[in-house]
Amino acid sequence: MKLLRTLLMSFLALGLMAPASFAAGNAAKGKALFNNPKAFGGSTSCNFCHPGGKGLEDAGMQKEWSTPAGKTRTLEEAINLCIVNANRGKALDVKSAQMADIVAYIKSLGKKKKK
């Protein structure tokens, strides 16, 4: 019985850690998406307006974002506004792996600036 309880607790702990690690995103994959003009079905890449992430260095730290299409309350909303309006692509699900990856990449730009 004790072994069964230990196994169940181990699986529960692993199950709780998996979503947290997924939500963090992968900055390298996000950078690839950021530079891929076909990533969102649009006509250009994020890099077209933000070469090398220029202008986004503080985006990961903000509480409100101003875009040409208006203000947003989340970074994910700002990203989707750019994808739809500037890139003419399809918005991402805010809970998707792609969105988590792009957010991770944008947040990494601020870390590079501090070095």
N, C-alpha and C. Protein backbone atom coordinates (compact mmCIF):
# COMPACT_ATOMS: atom_id res chain seq x y z
N MET A 1 0.82 -1.20 0.00
CA MET A 1 0.00 0.00 0.00
C MET A 1 0.87 1.26 0.00
N LYS A 2 1.94 1.24 0.80
CA LYS A 2 2.83 2.39 0.86
C LYS A 2 3.52 2.62 -0.48
N LEU A 3 3.90 1.55 -1.15
CA LEU A 3 4.52 1.65 -2.47
C LEU A 3 3.54 2.26 -3.48
N LEU A 4 2.29 1.82 -3.43
CA LEU A 4 1.28 2.34 -4.33
C LEU A 4 1.07 3.85 -4.09
N ARG A 5 1.01 4.25 -2.85
CA ARG A 5 0.85 5.66 -2.51
C ARG A 5 2.04 6.48 -3.01
N THR A 6 3.24 5.96 -2.85
CA THR A 6 4.45 6.66 -3.30
C THR A 6 4.42 6.81 -4.82
N LEU A 7 4.05 5.75 -5.54
CA LEU A 7 3.96 5.82 -6.99
C LEU A 7 2.91 6.83 -7.44
N LEU A 8 1.76 6.83 -6.81
CA LEU A 8 0.70 7.77 -7.17
C LEU A 8 1.15 9.21 -6.93
N MET A 9 1.81 9.46 -5.82
CA MET A 9 2.29 10.81 -5.52
C MET A 9 3.36 11.23 -6.52
N SER A 10 4.20 10.31 -6.94
CA SER A 10 5.23 10.61 -7.94
C SER A 10 4.61 10.99 -9.27
N PHE A 11 3.62 10.22 -9.71
CA PHE A 11 2.94 10.53 -10.96
C PHE A 11 2.20 11.86 -10.88
N LEU A 12 1.60 12.13 -9.75
CA LEU A 12 0.91 13.40 -9.55
C LEU A 12 1.89 14.57 -9.63
N ALA A 13 3.03 14.42 -8.98
CA ALA A 13 4.04 15.49 -9.02
C ALA A 13 4.55 15.72 -10.44
N LEU A 14 4.80 14.65 -11.17
CA LEU A 14 5.25 14.79 -12.56
C LEU A 14 4.17 15.44 -13.42
N GLY A 15 2.93 15.07 -13.19
CA GLY A 15 1.83 15.64 -13.95
C GLY A 15 1.66 17.13 -13.70
N LEU A 16 1.92 17.57 -12.50
CA LEU A 16 1.81 18.99 -12.18
C LEU A 16 2.98 19.80 -12.74
N MET A 17 4.14 19.18 -12.85
CA MET A 17 5.31 19.88 -13.37
C MET A 17 5.28 20.01 -14.89
N ALA A 18 4.68 19.07 -15.60
CA ALA A 18 4.68 19.09 -17.06
C ALA A 18 4.02 20.33 -17.64
N PRO A 19 2.82 20.73 -17.18
CA PRO A 19 2.22 21.94 -17.75
C PRO A 19 3.05 23.19 -17.48
N ALA A 20 3.69 23.27 -16.35
CA ALA A 20 4.51 24.44 -16.03
C ALA A 20 5.70 24.55 -16.97
N SER A 21 6.32 23.43 -17.27
CA SER A 21 7.47 23.47 -18.17
C SER A 21 7.02 23.76 -19.60
N PHE A 22 5.82 23.26 -19.98
CA PHE A 22 5.30 23.53 -21.30
C PHE A 22 4.97 25.01 -21.46
N ALA A 23 4.37 25.59 -20.43
CA ALA A 23 3.93 26.98 -20.49
C ALA A 23 5.11 27.94 -20.62
N ALA A 24 6.29 27.52 -20.19
CA ALA A 24 7.44 28.41 -20.23
C ALA A 24 7.87 28.71 -21.66
N GLY A 25 7.66 27.82 -22.57
CA GLY A 25 8.04 28.05 -23.97
C GLY A 25 9.51 27.84 -24.23
N ASN A 26 9.85 27.78 -25.49
CA ASN A 26 11.22 27.54 -25.93
C ASN A 26 11.65 28.73 -26.78
N ALA A 27 12.57 29.53 -26.27
CA ALA A 27 12.99 30.76 -26.95
C ALA A 27 13.60 30.48 -28.32
N ALA A 28 14.34 29.38 -28.46
CA ALA A 28 14.95 29.05 -29.75
C ALA A 28 13.87 28.77 -30.80
N LYS A 29 12.84 28.03 -30.41
CA LYS A 29 11.73 27.76 -31.34
C LYS A 29 10.98 29.06 -31.64
N GLY A 30 10.83 29.90 -30.62
CA GLY A 30 10.16 31.18 -30.81
C GLY A 30 10.91 32.07 -31.78
N LYS A 31 12.23 32.06 -31.70
CA LYS A 31 13.05 32.85 -32.62
C LYS A 31 12.86 32.35 -34.05
N ALA A 32 12.80 31.04 -34.23
CA ALA A 32 12.59 30.47 -35.56
C ALA A 32 11.23 30.91 -36.12
N LEU A 33 10.19 30.88 -35.30
CA LEU A 33 8.87 31.33 -35.72
C LEU A 33 8.89 32.82 -36.05
N PHE A 34 9.54 33.60 -35.21
CA PHE A 34 9.66 35.05 -35.37
C PHE A 34 10.28 35.41 -36.71
N ASN A 35 11.21 34.59 -37.18
CA ASN A 35 11.93 34.87 -38.42
C ASN A 35 11.35 34.17 -39.65
N ASN A 36 10.33 33.34 -39.47
CA ASN A 36 9.76 32.57 -40.57
C ASN A 36 8.56 33.31 -41.18
N PRO A 37 8.66 33.80 -42.42
CA PRO A 37 7.56 34.55 -43.01
C PRO A 37 6.31 33.72 -43.26
N LYS A 38 6.42 32.40 -43.24
CA LYS A 38 5.26 31.54 -43.50
C LYS A 38 4.70 30.90 -42.23
N ALA A 39 5.24 31.27 -41.07
CA ALA A 39 4.86 30.61 -39.82
C ALA A 39 3.39 30.76 -39.48
N PHE A 40 2.77 31.88 -39.82
CA PHE A 40 1.39 32.13 -39.42
C PHE A 40 0.45 32.28 -40.61
N GLY A 41 0.92 31.88 -41.78
CA GLY A 41 0.11 31.96 -42.98
C GLY A 41 0.01 33.37 -43.53
N GLY A 42 0.90 34.22 -43.10
CA GLY A 42 0.88 35.61 -43.55
C GLY A 42 1.84 35.89 -44.67
N SER A 43 2.09 37.17 -44.89
CA SER A 43 2.94 37.57 -46.01
C SER A 43 4.35 37.95 -45.59
N THR A 44 4.60 38.08 -44.31
CA THR A 44 5.93 38.49 -43.85
C THR A 44 6.18 37.94 -42.45
N SER A 45 7.40 38.10 -41.98
CA SER A 45 7.76 37.62 -40.65
C SER A 45 7.72 38.76 -39.64
N CYS A 46 7.75 38.44 -38.38
CA CYS A 46 7.84 39.44 -37.31
C CYS A 46 9.14 40.23 -37.47
N ASN A 47 10.17 39.54 -37.95
CA ASN A 47 11.49 40.14 -38.12
C ASN A 47 11.49 41.27 -39.16
N PHE A 48 10.51 41.32 -40.02
CA PHE A 48 10.43 42.37 -41.03
C PHE A 48 10.30 43.75 -40.36
N CYS A 49 9.43 43.84 -39.36
CA CYS A 49 9.24 45.11 -38.63
C CYS A 49 10.17 45.25 -37.44
N HIS A 50 10.60 44.12 -36.90
CA HIS A 50 11.45 44.10 -35.71
C HIS A 50 12.73 43.31 -35.99
N PRO A 51 13.62 43.82 -36.87
CA PRO A 51 14.84 43.07 -37.19
C PRO A 51 15.67 42.77 -35.96
N GLY A 52 15.94 41.50 -35.76
CA GLY A 52 16.71 41.08 -34.59
C GLY A 52 16.00 41.35 -33.28
N GLY A 53 14.69 41.56 -33.33
CA GLY A 53 13.92 41.84 -32.12
C GLY A 53 13.93 43.31 -31.72
N LYS A 54 14.45 44.17 -32.60
CA LYS A 54 14.57 45.59 -32.28
C LYS A 54 13.21 46.19 -31.91
N GLY A 55 13.23 46.92 -30.81
CA GLY A 55 12.02 47.56 -30.33
C GLY A 55 11.20 46.70 -29.38
N LEU A 56 11.60 45.46 -29.19
CA LEU A 56 10.87 44.55 -28.32
C LEU A 56 11.65 44.19 -27.05
N GLU A 57 12.77 44.86 -26.84
CA GLU A 57 13.64 44.49 -25.72
C GLU A 57 12.93 44.60 -24.36
N ASP A 58 12.01 45.52 -24.22
CA ASP A 58 11.30 45.69 -22.94
C ASP A 58 9.89 45.10 -22.97
N ALA A 59 9.50 44.51 -24.07
CA ALA A 59 8.13 44.02 -24.22
C ALA A 59 7.76 42.95 -23.19
N GLY A 60 8.71 42.14 -22.80
CA GLY A 60 8.42 41.08 -21.84
C GLY A 60 8.20 41.58 -20.43
N MET A 61 8.52 42.83 -20.15
CA MET A 61 8.40 43.39 -18.80
C MET A 61 7.20 44.33 -18.64
N GLN A 62 6.55 44.68 -19.72
CA GLN A 62 5.47 45.66 -19.67
C GLN A 62 4.18 45.09 -19.10
N LYS A 63 3.29 46.00 -18.69
CA LYS A 63 1.97 45.60 -18.20
C LYS A 63 0.88 45.99 -19.19
N GLU A 64 1.25 46.81 -20.17
CA GLU A 64 0.34 47.22 -21.23
C GLU A 64 1.17 47.47 -22.48
N TRP A 65 0.62 47.12 -23.64
CA TRP A 65 1.37 47.24 -24.89
C TRP A 65 0.61 48.14 -25.85
N SER A 66 1.33 49.01 -26.50
CA SER A 66 0.75 49.86 -27.54
C SER A 66 1.20 49.32 -28.88
N THR A 67 0.24 49.07 -29.74
CA THR A 67 0.52 48.61 -31.09
C THR A 67 -0.17 49.58 -32.05
N PRO A 68 0.19 49.55 -33.32
CA PRO A 68 -0.51 50.40 -34.28
C PRO A 68 -2.03 50.14 -34.30
N ALA A 69 -2.45 48.95 -33.89
CA ALA A 69 -3.87 48.60 -33.88
C ALA A 69 -4.55 48.94 -32.56
N GLY A 70 -3.80 49.43 -31.58
CA GLY A 70 -4.39 49.80 -30.30
C GLY A 70 -3.62 49.23 -29.12
N LYS A 71 -4.15 49.48 -27.93
CA LYS A 71 -3.51 49.00 -26.70
C LYS A 71 -4.03 47.61 -26.34
N THR A 72 -3.14 46.84 -25.73
CA THR A 72 -3.54 45.51 -25.26
C THR A 72 -3.08 45.33 -23.83
N ARG A 73 -3.70 44.37 -23.15
CA ARG A 73 -3.37 44.13 -21.75
C ARG A 73 -2.45 42.93 -21.56
N THR A 74 -2.25 42.15 -22.63
CA THR A 74 -1.34 41.00 -22.52
C THR A 74 -0.38 40.99 -23.71
N LEU A 75 0.77 40.41 -23.49
CA LEU A 75 1.75 40.27 -24.57
C LEU A 75 1.18 39.38 -25.67
N GLU A 76 0.45 38.35 -25.30
CA GLU A 76 -0.15 37.45 -26.29
C GLU A 76 -1.11 38.20 -27.22
N GLU A 77 -1.92 39.12 -26.65
CA GLU A 77 -2.82 39.92 -27.48
C GLU A 77 -2.03 40.79 -28.45
N ALA A 78 -0.96 41.41 -27.95
CA ALA A 78 -0.13 42.27 -28.79
C ALA A 78 0.49 41.46 -29.93
N ILE A 79 0.97 40.27 -29.62
CA ILE A 79 1.55 39.39 -30.65
C ILE A 79 0.51 39.06 -31.71
N ASN A 80 -0.70 38.69 -31.27
CA ASN A 80 -1.74 38.34 -32.23
C ASN A 80 -2.16 39.54 -33.08
N LEU A 81 -2.21 40.73 -32.48
CA LEU A 81 -2.52 41.93 -33.27
C LEU A 81 -1.50 42.13 -34.38
N CYS A 82 -0.24 41.94 -34.05
CA CYS A 82 0.82 42.08 -35.07
C CYS A 82 0.71 40.99 -36.13
N ILE A 83 0.47 39.77 -35.71
CA ILE A 83 0.35 38.66 -36.66
C ILE A 83 -0.79 38.93 -37.64
N VAL A 84 -1.93 39.35 -37.12
CA VAL A 84 -3.12 39.56 -37.96
C VAL A 84 -3.00 40.83 -38.80
N ASN A 85 -2.62 41.94 -38.18
CA ASN A 85 -2.64 43.23 -38.89
C ASN A 85 -1.38 43.50 -39.71
N ALA A 86 -0.22 43.29 -39.16
CA ALA A 86 1.02 43.59 -39.88
C ALA A 86 1.44 42.45 -40.80
N ASN A 87 1.33 41.22 -40.31
CA ASN A 87 1.79 40.07 -41.09
C ASN A 87 0.70 39.47 -41.97
N ARG A 88 -0.53 39.89 -41.74
CA ARG A 88 -1.69 39.36 -42.48
C ARG A 88 -1.81 37.85 -42.32
N GLY A 89 -1.52 37.38 -41.10
CA GLY A 89 -1.60 35.96 -40.82
C GLY A 89 -2.78 35.62 -39.93
N LYS A 90 -2.78 34.40 -39.44
CA LYS A 90 -3.85 33.92 -38.57
C LYS A 90 -3.38 33.98 -37.12
N ALA A 91 -4.24 34.51 -36.26
CA ALA A 91 -3.93 34.62 -34.83
C ALA A 91 -3.66 33.23 -34.24
N LEU A 92 -2.78 33.20 -33.25
CA LEU A 92 -2.46 31.97 -32.55
C LEU A 92 -3.37 31.79 -31.34
N ASP A 93 -3.62 30.55 -30.99
CA ASP A 93 -4.30 30.27 -29.73
C ASP A 93 -3.35 30.72 -28.63
N VAL A 94 -3.83 31.53 -27.70
CA VAL A 94 -2.94 32.08 -26.67
C VAL A 94 -2.37 31.01 -25.75
N LYS A 95 -2.97 29.82 -25.77
CA LYS A 95 -2.48 28.73 -24.93
C LYS A 95 -1.66 27.71 -25.72
N SER A 96 -1.35 28.03 -26.97
CA SER A 96 -0.63 27.09 -27.82
C SER A 96 0.87 27.09 -27.52
N ALA A 97 1.53 26.04 -27.96
CA ALA A 97 2.99 25.94 -27.81
C ALA A 97 3.68 27.02 -28.62
N GLN A 98 3.16 27.33 -29.81
CA GLN A 98 3.77 28.38 -30.63
C GLN A 98 3.74 29.73 -29.91
N MET A 99 2.60 30.05 -29.28
CA MET A 99 2.51 31.32 -28.56
C MET A 99 3.49 31.33 -27.39
N ALA A 100 3.56 30.23 -26.66
CA ALA A 100 4.50 30.14 -25.53
C ALA A 100 5.94 30.32 -26.01
N ASP A 101 6.25 29.77 -27.18
CA ASP A 101 7.60 29.88 -27.73
C ASP A 101 7.93 31.32 -28.13
N ILE A 102 6.99 32.00 -28.79
CA ILE A 102 7.24 33.38 -29.20
C ILE A 102 7.36 34.29 -27.98
N VAL A 103 6.51 34.08 -26.99
CA VAL A 103 6.60 34.87 -25.75
C VAL A 103 7.96 34.65 -25.09
N ALA A 104 8.41 33.40 -25.05
CA ALA A 104 9.72 33.10 -24.46
C ALA A 104 10.83 33.82 -25.22
N TYR A 105 10.75 33.84 -26.54
CA TYR A 105 11.77 34.54 -27.34
C TYR A 105 11.74 36.04 -27.05
N ILE A 106 10.57 36.63 -27.05
CA ILE A 106 10.47 38.07 -26.81
C ILE A 106 10.99 38.42 -25.41
N LYS A 107 10.66 37.61 -24.44
CA LYS A 107 11.16 37.85 -23.08
C LYS A 107 12.68 37.70 -23.02
N SER A 108 13.23 36.83 -23.85
CA SER A 108 14.68 36.63 -23.86
C SER A 108 15.41 37.85 -24.41
N LEU A 109 14.73 38.65 -25.21
CA LEU A 109 15.36 39.85 -25.77
C LEU A 109 15.73 40.84 -24.67
N GLY A 110 14.91 40.94 -23.65
CA GLY A 110 15.19 41.81 -22.52
C GLY A 110 16.39 41.34 -21.71
N LYS A 111 16.54 40.04 -21.62
CA LYS A 111 17.69 39.48 -20.89
C LYS A 111 18.99 39.76 -21.61
N LYS A 112 18.95 39.72 -22.93
CA LYS A 112 20.15 40.01 -23.72
C LYS A 112 20.57 41.46 -23.57
N LYS A 113 19.58 42.35 -23.47
CA LYS A 113 19.84 43.78 -23.34
C LYS A 113 20.61 44.09 -22.06
N LYS A 114 20.29 43.37 -20.97
CA LYS A 114 20.89 43.63 -19.66
C LYS A 114 22.33 43.19 -19.56
N LYS A 115 22.78 42.31 -20.44
CA LYS A 115 24.14 41.77 -20.38
C LYS A 115 25.18 42.84 -20.64
